Amino acid sequence: MNTSSNQPYHNSTMEISDPSSRPSANNGDNETWTKGEHQPRRCNDVFFGILFYVHLIGMAACAGVYAPQMFGEVVNIAVNNSFSFNNGGGGERDLLDSRSMSGRGNNELLTSRFMSWVIGATQQIFSSSSTAVLSKRVLQGNDANGPSFGKNNFDDLLLLLSISAIVACIISTLALTVMIRHARGMIIFALGFSIVASLIYTIGGLFVSPFAFLTGIIMVAFNAYFAYVAWGRMPFAACNLATATTAVKANLGLSFVAYSSLVSMFCWSAFWLVSAVPTLYITSGCDAQARACEKEANGLVVFLLLMSYYWTYQVIRNTVHVTVAGVVGTWWYVPTEAASFCSRSIGDSYFRSLTYSFGSICFGSLLVAVIESLVSMVRNLRESGDEGGVFLCIAECILLLLQGIVEYFNTWAFTYVGIYGYSFIEAGRNVVTLFKSRGWTTIITDSLAQSVLTLVSIGVGLITAIICLIVSYSRGMVFGDELGASSAAFFIGFTTGLVLTNTLLSLVSAAVNTVIVCYADAPLEFSLNHPRLSEHMYDGWAKAWPDEFRYQSSSSYR
């Protein structure tokens, strides 16, 4: 996708009422819309890109100002308590059992106290039960009758993570091939699996409570009805899934972009903690020794910190989406430039996402981040038991609905940004006009392909969890106790498999959206460059949407 002689996009304006050039849309009018054009290389929505970097500088400043103050206070308290403990004073009793403290120096004791506070602060921020269980085991000392979380446990943890990561990458890559050849069968399996799973839940509900049983019946009825309604749309979802998977597999180097985004999210989360926790600690007048704060955290500060986290998270996520759209767009128009593991289009699209289109990504991501931050604050107020619970519940529902609408709009706008390089607002306006002109406002709401991708991610997660369980038992791994060994191994395997597979298949998800946009905008190019897939696409769409879909057979283009 270059602007040089290899430019893949044709600069032209076409009318959907002209059947010789473009198939007519099913709207009965002679509407005209401008076909997408590859835009010149320029930075779009520059203000929001600059604002994003300014916000990162602000977070770094908070970390630089507040982190030394908080850590200095915590270290001083740890030093005082360690001297008090070693001299036989009352002091605050260390979280470690006294038997595990024998022989330890002040530095090791200080580190234990310091880490205990940091883990406790992290628990308060995220309120994560899984983190609480892990930190409790980390801080537990040796027991005369039981093992502790020591070096062997850490080695076992690394082994399980490595095994589950390797297995997940292999199985998820093989799943791409299966989806290309058996897309329809996987959709049928996904629909059947949801019904069977809800039946199992219903049977289990008989032994739990009448409410659980009733909920299960409703789930069975809903899933059965959904399968009945969606059955006729299977050809549509299958051909979209097969085409998108083919494009991703032809450019599998995109997986490095996806996995690097995971690393970026992890690093950002760590950096955000180093900045956000000290900021809240100092501005709220907190005391590490008393584990209490003089005043409530400033609402505006909390909102800005939340918005910072969600904004950066969305930017990282949407950068991958825009990159995939650019690569699949090149594959659609000029397949010779996007037909290898590390094709040139991958680097070009990724570079454009981080430069020319970065402002547009920041713009759309900011809209979602603001709403997500408001949702988090409203939910926290509602769960705290303050007055106005009903109104807060209504407000949360409205915000969640608004968030879904904005995210849905962003999905198609970012796809258009990646394919052609428009600004965010212009891309959103163009893609909405395109779908309205085609009469496809109903077609684009179909989510069968996404259901298959979700099921594959869960399936791979379960496989890696079982493998980790087998390895855990065969090597006699222990995480706290026998129950801890089983639950920890299963959790590590399932989470790693689910996250890695979902990361890879997110490429397919973005590719499916790109395929729909490209098919609406350029069916002729698809027919010329990918004739077999074009025929498959035409047959599937015509069967699933006979009223909305009015294209000629792709063979008529050749």
Protein backbone atom coordinates (compact mmCIF):
# COMPACT_ATOMS: atom_id res chain seq x y z
CA MET A 1 0.00 0.00 0.00
CA ASN A 2 2.39 2.65 -1.20
CA THR A 3 1.66 5.98 -2.78
CA SER A 4 4.25 5.34 -5.46
CA SER A 5 3.87 3.30 -8.64
CA ASN A 6 2.66 0.34 -6.62
CA GLN A 7 -0.38 2.22 -5.29
CA PRO A 8 -3.10 -0.43 -4.91
CA TYR A 9 -6.12 1.81 -4.93
CA HIS A 10 -7.78 3.33 -7.92
CA ASN A 11 -8.76 6.98 -7.67
CA SER A 12 -12.25 7.02 -9.10
CA THR A 13 -15.81 8.04 -8.38
CA MET A 14 -18.46 5.44 -9.23
CA GLU A 15 -22.23 5.36 -9.09
CA ILE A 16 -24.05 2.41 -7.66
CA SER A 17 -26.84 3.06 -10.16
CA ASP A 18 -24.49 2.15 -13.03
CA PRO A 19 -24.73 -1.64 -13.34
CA SER A 20 -21.90 -1.82 -15.82
CA SER A 21 -19.42 -0.43 -13.33
CA ARG A 22 -20.85 -1.23 -9.92
CA PRO A 23 -23.73 -3.48 -8.86
CA SER A 24 -26.74 -1.50 -7.67
CA ALA A 25 -27.71 -1.29 -4.03
CA ASN A 26 -31.12 -2.41 -2.89
CA ASN A 27 -32.47 1.02 -2.06
CA GLY A 28 -34.35 1.89 -5.21
CA ASP A 29 -32.63 5.27 -5.58
CA ASN A 30 -29.86 6.52 -7.86
CA GLU A 31 -27.56 7.38 -5.02
CA THR A 32 -23.95 8.21 -5.73
CA TRP A 33 -21.06 7.68 -3.37
CA THR A 34 -17.34 8.21 -3.81
CA LYS A 35 -15.31 5.05 -3.91
CA GLY A 36 -12.60 4.86 -1.31
CA GLU A 37 -9.29 6.32 -2.42
CA HIS A 38 -5.85 5.78 -0.95
CA GLN A 39 -5.07 9.11 0.68
CA PRO A 40 -1.77 10.96 0.32
CA ARG A 41 0.71 10.45 3.13
CA ARG A 42 -0.19 13.08 5.70
CA CYS A 43 -0.76 13.06 9.42
CA ASN A 44 -4.47 13.12 10.26
CA ASP A 45 -6.08 14.34 13.50
CA VAL A 46 -2.72 15.65 14.66
CA PHE A 47 -4.17 17.39 17.73
CA PHE A 48 -5.27 14.10 19.32
CA GLY A 49 -1.92 12.46 18.60
CA ILE A 50 -0.11 15.32 20.33
CA LEU A 51 -2.62 15.23 23.20
CA PHE A 52 -1.91 11.53 23.68
CA TYR A 53 1.83 12.10 23.98
CA VAL A 54 1.25 15.05 26.33
CA HIS A 55 -0.84 12.76 28.54
CA LEU A 56 1.99 10.20 28.60
CA ILE A 57 4.41 12.95 29.64
CA GLY A 58 1.96 13.92 32.38
CA MET A 59 1.82 10.35 33.66
CA ALA A 60 5.62 10.20 33.65
CA ALA A 61 5.72 13.47 35.60
CA CYS A 62 3.32 12.04 38.20
CA ALA A 63 5.52 9.00 38.56
CA GLY A 64 8.62 11.16 38.90
CA VAL A 65 7.09 13.46 41.52
CA TYR A 66 4.92 11.15 43.64
CA ALA A 67 6.58 7.73 43.36
CA PRO A 68 9.80 8.73 45.20
CA GLN A 69 7.72 10.28 48.00
CA MET A 70 5.56 7.20 48.48
CA PHE A 71 8.36 4.65 48.13
CA GLY A 72 10.60 6.72 50.43
CA GLU A 73 7.91 6.75 53.12
CA VAL A 74 7.25 3.03 52.76
CA VAL A 75 10.97 2.21 52.92
CA ASN A 76 11.44 4.35 56.05
CA ILE A 77 8.55 2.60 57.78
CA ALA A 78 9.95 -0.78 56.76
CA VAL A 79 13.39 0.12 58.12
CA ASN A 80 11.96 1.33 61.46
CA ASN A 81 9.82 -1.78 61.84
CA SER A 82 12.73 -4.05 60.98
CA PHE A 83 14.95 -2.49 63.68
CA SER A 84 12.08 -2.67 66.15
CA PHE A 85 11.50 -6.33 65.34
CA ASN A 86 15.16 -7.32 65.50
CA ASN A 87 15.60 -5.49 68.84
CA GLY A 88 12.68 -7.31 70.40
CA GLY A 89 10.31 -4.34 70.23
CA GLY A 90 6.62 -4.61 69.63
CA GLY A 91 6.65 -3.13 66.12
CA GLU A 92 4.37 -4.25 63.36
CA ARG A 93 4.60 -7.98 62.98
CA ASP A 94 5.91 -8.98 59.60
CA LEU A 95 3.54 -10.79 57.31
CA LEU A 96 5.98 -13.63 57.03
CA ASP A 97 5.88 -16.31 59.65
CA SER A 98 8.62 -15.86 62.25
CA ARG A 99 10.15 -19.22 61.44
CA SER A 100 10.77 -18.14 57.87
CA MET A 101 12.49 -14.96 59.17
CA SER A 102 15.32 -16.69 61.03
CA GLY A 103 18.66 -16.02 59.47
CA ARG A 104 17.38 -13.17 57.28
CA GLY A 105 19.12 -9.82 57.24
CA ASN A 106 17.57 -6.40 57.37
CA ASN A 107 17.72 -5.94 53.61
CA GLU A 108 15.73 -9.09 52.90
CA LEU A 109 13.21 -8.19 55.61
CA LEU A 110 12.87 -4.68 54.20
CA THR A 111 12.23 -6.12 50.74
CA SER A 112 9.54 -8.41 52.11
CA ARG A 113 7.75 -5.54 53.84
CA PHE A 114 8.07 -3.28 50.83
CA MET A 115 6.68 -5.87 48.42
CA SER A 116 3.85 -6.73 50.80
CA TRP A 117 2.69 -3.13 50.76
CA VAL A 118 2.99 -2.81 46.96
CA ILE A 119 1.01 -6.01 46.44
CA GLY A 120 -1.59 -4.82 48.92
CA ALA A 121 -1.91 -1.49 47.08
CA THR A 122 -2.29 -3.31 43.78
CA GLN A 123 -5.03 -5.44 45.28
CA GLN A 124 -6.88 -2.31 46.39
CA ILE A 125 -6.66 -0.79 42.92
CA PHE A 126 -7.85 -3.78 40.96
CA SER A 127 -9.90 -5.63 43.60
CA SER A 128 -8.83 -8.87 41.96
CA SER A 129 -9.52 -12.02 43.89
CA SER A 130 -7.02 -13.99 41.82
CA THR A 131 -4.27 -11.47 42.63
CA ALA A 132 -5.20 -11.66 46.29
CA VAL A 133 -4.81 -15.42 46.34
CA LEU A 134 -1.46 -15.24 44.57
CA SER A 135 -0.05 -12.50 46.81
CA LYS A 136 -1.20 -14.36 49.90
CA ARG A 137 0.76 -17.39 48.81
CA VAL A 138 3.80 -15.31 47.90
CA LEU A 139 3.85 -13.75 51.34
CA GLN A 140 3.16 -16.94 53.27
CA GLY A 141 6.11 -18.30 55.10
CA ASN A 142 7.30 -21.84 55.43
CA ASP A 143 5.16 -24.07 57.56
CA ALA A 144 6.59 -27.06 59.33
CA ASN A 145 3.83 -29.22 57.88
CA GLY A 146 3.50 -27.65 54.43
CA PRO A 147 5.45 -26.27 51.53
CA SER A 148 5.82 -22.62 50.63
CA PHE A 149 5.93 -20.61 47.43
CA GLY A 150 9.66 -20.72 46.87
CA LYS A 151 12.16 -21.12 44.08
CA ASN A 152 10.81 -24.48 42.98
CA ASN A 153 7.33 -23.05 42.65
CA PHE A 154 8.65 -20.17 40.54
CA ASP A 155 10.48 -22.60 38.24
CA ASP A 156 7.30 -24.66 37.93
CA LEU A 157 5.35 -21.51 37.13
CA LEU A 158 7.75 -20.63 34.30
CA LEU A 159 7.55 -24.17 32.97
CA LEU A 160 3.74 -24.13 32.88
CA LEU A 161 3.71 -20.70 31.23
CA SER A 162 6.19 -21.84 28.58
CA ILE A 163 4.34 -25.07 27.81
CA SER A 164 0.93 -23.40 27.62
CA ALA A 165 2.30 -20.60 25.41
CA ILE A 166 3.92 -23.03 22.96
CA VAL A 167 0.84 -25.27 22.79
CA ALA A 168 -1.49 -22.30 22.36
CA CYS A 169 0.56 -20.84 19.51
CA ILE A 170 0.71 -24.18 17.68
CA ILE A 171 -2.98 -25.03 18.08
CA SER A 172 -4.21 -21.52 17.25
CA THR A 173 -2.08 -21.46 14.10
CA LEU A 174 -3.48 -24.84 13.05
CA ALA A 175 -6.95 -23.50 13.77
CA LEU A 176 -6.47 -20.94 11.00
CA THR A 177 -6.10 -23.77 8.47
CA VAL A 178 -9.15 -25.55 9.87
CA MET A 179 -11.22 -22.37 9.63
CA ILE A 180 -10.28 -21.93 5.97
CA ARG A 181 -11.34 -25.45 5.01
CA HIS A 182 -14.16 -26.10 7.47
CA ALA A 183 -15.61 -22.69 8.31
CA ARG A 184 -19.21 -23.86 7.97
CA GLY A 185 -18.60 -26.92 10.15
CA MET A 186 -17.01 -24.78 12.86
CA ILE A 187 -20.02 -22.46 12.87
CA ILE A 188 -22.39 -25.42 13.23
CA PHE A 189 -20.24 -26.73 16.07
CA ALA A 190 -20.27 -23.31 17.76
CA LEU A 191 -24.06 -23.14 17.64
CA GLY A 192 -24.42 -26.70 18.91
CA PHE A 193 -21.85 -26.20 21.64
CA SER A 194 -23.72 -23.21 23.08
CA ILE A 195 -26.92 -25.28 23.32
CA VAL A 196 -25.15 -28.27 24.91
CA ALA A 197 -23.32 -26.04 27.40
CA SER A 198 -26.57 -24.37 28.47
CA LEU A 199 -28.20 -27.82 28.85
CA ILE A 200 -25.38 -28.94 31.14
CA TYR A 201 -25.81 -25.75 33.15
CA THR A 202 -29.55 -26.41 33.41
CA ILE A 203 -29.04 -29.97 34.65
CA GLY A 204 -26.53 -28.73 37.21
CA GLY A 205 -29.02 -26.07 38.27
CA LEU A 206 -31.39 -28.81 39.43
CA PHE A 207 -28.98 -29.60 42.25
CA VAL A 208 -28.21 -25.96 43.12
CA SER A 209 -31.37 -23.86 43.26
CA PRO A 210 -34.65 -23.26 41.41
CA PHE A 211 -33.32 -19.91 40.21
CA ALA A 212 -30.27 -21.53 38.61
CA PHE A 213 -32.52 -24.11 36.93
CA LEU A 214 -34.84 -21.40 35.60
CA THR A 215 -31.89 -19.41 34.32
CA GLY A 216 -30.63 -22.50 32.54
CA ILE A 217 -33.99 -23.05 30.82
CA ILE A 218 -33.94 -19.45 29.58
CA MET A 219 -30.39 -19.92 28.29
CA VAL A 220 -31.35 -23.10 26.43
CA ALA A 221 -34.37 -21.41 24.85
CA PHE A 222 -32.34 -18.37 23.83
CA ASN A 223 -29.47 -20.39 22.33
CA ALA A 224 -31.87 -22.68 20.47
CA TYR A 225 -33.75 -19.72 19.03
CA PHE A 226 -30.49 -18.00 18.07
CA ALA A 227 -29.32 -21.17 16.28
CA TYR A 228 -32.64 -21.37 14.42
CA VAL A 229 -32.44 -17.75 13.29
CA ALA A 230 -28.73 -17.89 12.47
CA TRP A 231 -28.88 -21.15 10.55
CA GLY A 232 -29.73 -19.43 7.28
CA ARG A 233 -26.84 -16.97 7.70
CA MET A 234 -24.18 -19.66 7.99
CA PRO A 235 -23.05 -19.41 4.34
CA PHE A 236 -22.49 -15.68 4.81
CA ALA A 237 -20.45 -16.08 7.99
CA ALA A 238 -18.53 -19.07 6.59
CA CYS A 239 -17.35 -17.29 3.44
CA ASN A 240 -16.38 -14.17 5.40
CA LEU A 241 -14.44 -16.26 7.89
CA ALA A 242 -12.71 -18.30 5.17
CA THR A 243 -11.71 -15.19 3.19
CA ALA A 244 -10.46 -13.30 6.25
CA THR A 245 -8.50 -16.30 7.53
CA THR A 246 -6.93 -16.79 4.10
CA ALA A 247 -5.74 -13.18 4.11
CA VAL A 248 -4.31 -13.44 7.63
CA LYS A 249 -2.59 -16.75 6.96
CA ALA A 250 -1.00 -15.27 3.82
CA ASN A 251 0.47 -12.53 6.04
CA LEU A 252 1.04 -14.45 9.25
CA GLY A 253 3.75 -12.03 10.26
CA LEU A 254 0.85 -9.98 11.60
CA SER A 255 0.99 -12.30 14.61
CA PHE A 256 4.16 -10.48 15.74
CA VAL A 257 2.20 -7.21 15.70
CA ALA A 258 -0.56 -8.81 17.77
CA TYR A 259 1.76 -10.42 20.31
CA SER A 260 3.85 -7.26 20.62
CA SER A 261 0.65 -5.46 21.57
CA LEU A 262 0.34 -7.86 24.53
CA VAL A 263 3.83 -6.87 25.66
CA SER A 264 2.95 -3.21 25.22
CA MET A 265 -0.21 -3.60 27.32
CA PHE A 266 1.73 -5.36 30.08
CA CYS A 267 4.41 -2.65 30.12
CA TRP A 268 1.78 0.09 30.09
CA SER A 269 -0.09 -1.54 32.99
CA ALA A 270 3.13 -1.68 35.03
CA PHE A 271 3.99 1.93 34.22
CA TRP A 272 0.45 3.06 35.01
CA LEU A 273 0.63 1.39 38.41
CA VAL A 274 3.92 3.10 39.21
CA SER A 275 2.31 6.43 38.31
CA ALA A 276 -1.30 6.03 39.50
CA VAL A 277 -0.76 4.35 42.89
CA PRO A 278 1.71 6.96 44.23
CA THR A 279 -0.43 9.78 42.84
CA LEU A 280 -3.50 8.56 44.72
CA TYR A 281 -1.39 7.74 47.77
CA ILE A 282 0.12 11.22 48.13
CA THR A 283 -2.89 13.29 47.06
CA SER A 284 -5.13 11.38 49.48
CA GLY A 285 -2.75 11.73 52.42
CA CYS A 286 -2.32 8.00 52.90
CA ASP A 287 -0.22 6.37 55.62
CA ALA A 288 1.51 3.10 54.74
CA GLN A 289 1.87 2.04 58.38
CA ALA A 290 -1.73 2.75 59.32
CA ARG A 291 -2.98 1.41 55.98
CA ALA A 292 -5.42 4.36 55.89
CA CYS A 293 -5.90 7.70 54.11
CA GLU A 294 -6.83 11.07 55.60
CA LYS A 295 -9.30 11.94 52.86
CA GLU A 296 -11.14 10.46 49.92
CA ALA A 297 -9.37 10.41 46.58
CA ASN A 298 -10.15 13.40 44.40
CA GLY A 299 -12.82 12.37 41.89
CA LEU A 300 -11.24 14.32 39.03
CA VAL A 301 -7.84 12.74 39.68
CA VAL A 302 -9.36 9.25 39.70
CA PHE A 303 -11.24 9.98 36.48
CA LEU A 304 -8.13 11.27 34.71
CA LEU A 305 -6.08 8.28 35.84
CA LEU A 306 -8.74 5.84 34.68
CA MET A 307 -9.08 7.66 31.38
CA SER A 308 -5.31 7.49 30.94
CA TYR A 309 -5.30 3.74 31.40
CA TYR A 310 -8.26 3.05 29.12
CA TRP A 311 -7.09 5.50 26.47
CA THR A 312 -3.67 3.90 26.11
CA TYR A 313 -5.20 0.42 26.19
CA GLN A 314 -7.59 1.37 23.38
CA VAL A 315 -4.79 2.97 21.35
CA ILE A 316 -2.68 -0.19 21.52
CA ARG A 317 -5.65 -2.36 20.61
CA ASN A 318 -6.86 -0.17 17.75
CA THR A 319 -3.37 0.19 16.32
CA VAL A 320 -3.43 -3.55 15.67
CA HIS A 321 -6.91 -3.26 14.11
CA VAL A 322 -5.83 -0.48 11.73
CA THR A 323 -2.68 -2.39 10.79
CA VAL A 324 -4.66 -5.52 9.93
CA ALA A 325 -7.12 -3.47 7.85
CA GLY A 326 -4.24 -2.00 5.87
CA VAL A 327 -2.66 -5.39 5.19
CA VAL A 328 -5.94 -7.06 4.19
CA GLY A 329 -6.74 -4.04 2.01
CA THR A 330 -3.45 -4.50 0.18
CA TRP A 331 -4.13 -8.23 -0.15
CA TRP A 332 -7.53 -7.37 -1.63
CA TYR A 333 -6.26 -4.88 -4.23
CA VAL A 334 -2.66 -5.94 -4.88
CA PRO A 335 -2.21 -9.50 -3.59
CA THR A 336 1.39 -9.72 -4.83
CA GLU A 337 2.41 -7.20 -2.17
CA ALA A 338 0.73 -9.09 0.67
CA ALA A 339 1.38 -12.75 0.07
CA SER A 340 4.22 -13.78 2.38
CA PHE A 341 4.88 -14.28 6.07
CA CYS A 342 6.66 -10.96 6.43
CA SER A 343 5.28 -9.16 3.42
CA ARG A 344 6.13 -5.55 2.74
CA SER A 345 2.54 -4.54 3.41
CA ILE A 346 2.84 -5.51 7.10
CA GLY A 347 5.68 -3.08 7.76
CA ASP A 348 4.07 -0.35 5.66
CA SER A 349 0.68 -0.68 7.37
CA TYR A 350 2.20 -0.80 10.85
CA PHE A 351 4.30 2.28 10.11
CA ARG A 352 1.24 4.20 8.86
CA SER A 353 -0.69 3.20 11.98
CA LEU A 354 2.05 4.61 14.20
CA THR A 355 2.53 7.79 12.18
CA TYR A 356 0.03 9.11 9.66
CA SER A 357 -3.06 7.46 11.15
CA PHE A 358 -1.96 7.62 14.78
CA GLY A 359 -3.90 10.81 15.49
CA SER A 360 -7.07 9.20 14.12
CA ILE A 361 -6.50 6.16 16.34
CA CYS A 362 -6.05 8.40 19.37
CA PHE A 363 -9.21 10.35 18.49
CA GLY A 364 -11.51 7.34 18.30
CA SER A 365 -9.86 5.66 21.28
CA LEU A 366 -10.36 8.73 23.45
CA LEU A 367 -14.12 8.63 22.90
CA VAL A 368 -14.31 5.08 24.24
CA ALA A 369 -11.86 5.80 27.08
CA VAL A 370 -13.98 8.66 28.42
CA ILE A 371 -17.09 6.47 28.50
CA GLU A 372 -15.23 3.52 30.06
CA SER A 373 -13.89 5.79 32.79
CA LEU A 374 -17.37 7.08 33.57
CA VAL A 375 -18.71 3.52 33.66
CA SER A 376 -16.01 2.50 36.15
CA MET A 377 -16.71 5.44 38.44
CA VAL A 378 -20.50 4.98 38.33
CA ARG A 379 -20.13 1.25 39.01
CA ASN A 380 -17.84 1.93 41.95
CA LEU A 381 -20.35 4.39 43.42
CA ARG A 382 -23.17 1.91 42.96
CA GLU A 383 -21.26 -0.96 44.56
CA SER A 384 -20.17 1.20 47.49
CA GLY A 385 -23.78 1.26 48.69
CA ASP A 386 -24.23 5.02 48.56
CA GLU A 387 -27.64 6.60 48.06
CA GLY A 388 -29.13 6.76 44.59
CA GLY A 389 -28.43 3.13 43.71
CA VAL A 390 -31.34 2.92 41.27
CA PHE A 391 -30.29 6.06 39.41
CA LEU A 392 -26.69 4.91 39.34
CA CYS A 393 -27.79 1.57 37.90
CA ILE A 394 -29.75 3.36 35.17
CA ALA A 395 -26.81 5.65 34.47
CA GLU A 396 -24.48 2.67 34.18
CA CYS A 397 -26.83 0.94 31.72
CA ILE A 398 -27.05 4.08 29.58
CA LEU A 399 -23.28 4.50 29.58
CA LEU A 400 -22.74 0.84 28.65
CA LEU A 401 -25.20 1.20 25.78
CA LEU A 402 -23.42 4.35 24.61
CA GLN A 403 -20.08 2.57 24.90
CA GLY A 404 -21.33 -0.27 22.70
CA ILE A 405 -22.54 2.20 20.05
CA VAL A 406 -19.26 4.10 19.98
CA GLU A 407 -17.18 0.91 19.85
CA TYR A 408 -19.36 -0.40 17.02
CA PHE A 409 -18.85 2.83 15.05
CA ASN A 410 -15.12 2.77 15.77
CA THR A 411 -14.81 -0.75 14.41
CA TRP A 412 -15.89 0.30 10.91
CA ALA A 413 -14.27 3.74 11.03
CA PHE A 414 -10.88 2.28 11.97
CA THR A 415 -11.26 -0.31 9.21
CA TYR A 416 -11.70 2.48 6.67
CA VAL A 417 -8.78 4.39 8.23
CA GLY A 418 -6.55 1.35 7.79
CA ILE A 419 -7.58 0.63 4.21
CA TYR A 420 -7.48 4.12 2.76
CA GLY A 421 -5.88 6.46 5.30
CA TYR A 422 -8.75 8.87 5.90
CA SER A 423 -9.12 10.96 9.05
CA PHE A 424 -11.32 9.47 11.76
CA ILE A 425 -14.45 11.57 11.14
CA GLU A 426 -14.16 11.32 7.36
CA ALA A 427 -13.62 7.57 7.53
CA GLY A 428 -16.66 7.10 9.76
CA ARG A 429 -18.85 9.22 7.52
CA ASN A 430 -17.69 7.45 4.35
CA VAL A 431 -18.17 3.94 5.66
CA VAL A 432 -21.65 4.70 7.01
CA THR A 433 -22.62 6.22 3.65
CA LEU A 434 -21.22 3.17 1.88
CA PHE A 435 -23.27 0.70 3.91
CA LYS A 436 -26.43 2.80 3.63
CA SER A 437 -25.99 3.06 -0.13
CA ARG A 438 -25.58 -0.68 -0.37
CA GLY A 439 -28.52 -1.34 1.90
CA TRP A 440 -26.26 -3.39 4.19
CA THR A 441 -27.12 -1.86 7.55
CA THR A 442 -28.59 -5.23 8.58
CA ILE A 443 -25.81 -7.35 7.10
CA ILE A 444 -23.03 -5.71 9.10
CA THR A 445 -24.73 -6.57 12.41
CA ASP A 446 -24.15 -10.30 11.84
CA SER A 447 -21.82 -11.71 14.51
CA LEU A 448 -21.70 -15.44 13.76
CA ALA A 449 -18.04 -15.33 12.74
CA GLN A 450 -17.12 -13.63 16.00
CA SER A 451 -18.89 -16.41 17.94
CA VAL A 452 -16.70 -19.00 16.24
CA LEU A 453 -13.53 -17.08 17.09
CA THR A 454 -14.58 -16.83 20.74
CA LEU A 455 -15.33 -20.55 20.91
CA VAL A 456 -11.95 -21.44 19.38
CA SER A 457 -10.18 -19.25 21.97
CA ILE A 458 -12.03 -20.96 24.82
CA GLY A 459 -11.37 -24.39 23.33
CA VAL A 460 -7.63 -23.80 23.04
CA GLY A 461 -7.63 -22.42 26.59
CA LEU A 462 -9.22 -25.63 27.88
CA ILE A 463 -6.72 -27.78 25.97
CA THR A 464 -3.74 -25.92 27.39
CA ALA A 465 -5.32 -26.07 30.86
CA ILE A 466 -5.62 -29.87 30.66
CA ILE A 467 -2.04 -30.20 29.44
CA CYS A 468 -0.82 -28.04 32.33
CA LEU A 469 -2.78 -30.18 34.77
CA ILE A 470 -1.12 -33.32 33.39
CA VAL A 471 2.34 -31.75 33.61
CA SER A 472 1.62 -30.49 37.12
CA TYR A 473 0.61 -33.94 38.40
CA SER A 474 3.39 -35.77 36.56
CA ARG A 475 6.08 -33.50 38.07
CA GLY A 476 4.47 -33.29 41.51
CA MET A 477 4.13 -29.53 41.43
CA VAL A 478 2.73 -27.88 44.53
CA PHE A 479 1.36 -24.34 44.80
CA GLY A 480 0.40 -23.98 48.46
CA ASP A 481 -1.44 -27.30 48.76
CA GLU A 482 -2.89 -30.08 46.62
CA LEU A 483 -5.96 -28.04 45.69
CA GLY A 484 -3.75 -25.06 44.95
CA ALA A 485 -1.62 -27.14 42.58
CA SER A 486 -4.67 -28.18 40.55
CA SER A 487 -6.35 -24.80 40.47
CA ALA A 488 -3.12 -22.90 39.77
CA ALA A 489 -2.08 -25.20 36.93
CA PHE A 490 -5.53 -25.08 35.38
CA PHE A 491 -5.74 -21.29 35.74
CA ILE A 492 -2.27 -20.71 34.26
CA GLY A 493 -2.93 -22.99 31.28
CA PHE A 494 -6.42 -21.71 30.55
CA THR A 495 -5.55 -18.04 30.89
CA THR A 496 -2.38 -18.27 28.80
CA GLY A 497 -4.08 -20.31 26.08
CA LEU A 498 -7.14 -18.07 26.01
CA VAL A 499 -5.18 -14.81 25.89
CA LEU A 500 -2.66 -15.90 23.24
CA THR A 501 -5.29 -17.50 21.02
CA ASN A 502 -7.66 -14.59 21.36
CA THR A 503 -4.78 -12.26 20.46
CA LEU A 504 -4.03 -14.18 17.26
CA LEU A 505 -7.69 -14.56 16.31
CA SER A 506 -8.28 -10.85 16.89
CA LEU A 507 -6.42 -10.51 13.61
CA VAL A 508 -9.08 -12.63 11.93
CA SER A 509 -11.82 -10.58 13.60
CA ALA A 510 -10.38 -7.34 12.20
CA ALA A 511 -9.87 -9.05 8.84
CA VAL A 512 -13.54 -10.09 8.71
CA ASN A 513 -14.60 -6.46 9.12
CA THR A 514 -12.13 -5.42 6.42
CA VAL A 515 -13.45 -8.05 4.03
CA ILE A 516 -17.01 -6.74 4.43
CA VAL A 517 -15.92 -3.13 3.80
CA CYS A 518 -13.81 -4.07 0.78
CA TYR A 519 -16.57 -6.24 -0.67
CA ALA A 520 -18.97 -3.34 -0.39
CA ASP A 521 -16.51 -0.92 -1.98
CA ALA A 522 -14.57 -3.02 -4.50
CA PRO A 523 -16.16 -6.33 -5.56
CA LEU A 524 -14.64 -6.07 -9.04
CA GLU A 525 -11.07 -6.02 -7.73
CA PHE A 526 -11.81 -9.01 -5.53
CA SER A 527 -13.21 -10.95 -8.49
CA LEU A 528 -10.12 -10.21 -10.58
CA ASN A 529 -7.52 -10.91 -7.89
CA HIS A 530 -9.19 -13.77 -6.00
CA PRO A 531 -11.70 -15.40 -8.38
CA ARG A 532 -12.30 -18.60 -6.41
CA LEU A 533 -12.89 -16.79 -3.13
CA SER A 534 -15.06 -14.27 -4.98
CA GLU A 535 -17.36 -17.00 -6.28
CA HIS A 536 -17.58 -18.50 -2.81
CA MET A 537 -18.34 -15.09 -1.36
CA TYR A 538 -21.06 -14.35 -3.89
CA ASP A 539 -22.81 -17.69 -3.33
CA GLY A 540 -22.68 -17.35 0.46
CA TRP A 541 -23.97 -13.78 0.56
CA ALA A 542 -26.72 -14.44 -1.97
CA LYS A 543 -28.03 -17.39 0.08
CA ALA A 544 -27.90 -15.60 3.43
CA TRP A 545 -29.19 -12.19 2.34
CA PRO A 546 -31.25 -12.63 -0.86
CA ASP A 547 -33.07 -9.30 -0.43
CA GLU A 548 -30.21 -7.07 0.74
CA PHE A 549 -27.54 -8.49 -1.57
CA ARG A 550 -27.85 -7.39 -5.21
CA TYR A 551 -24.45 -8.04 -6.75
CA GLN A 552 -24.01 -9.72 -10.09
CA SER A 553 -22.24 -13.03 -10.07
CA SER A 554 -18.53 -12.49 -9.84
CA SER A 555 -18.03 -14.51 -13.03
CA SER A 556 -19.73 -11.72 -14.96
CA TYR A 557 -16.81 -9.43 -14.19
CA ARG A 558 -14.28 -11.63 -15.92
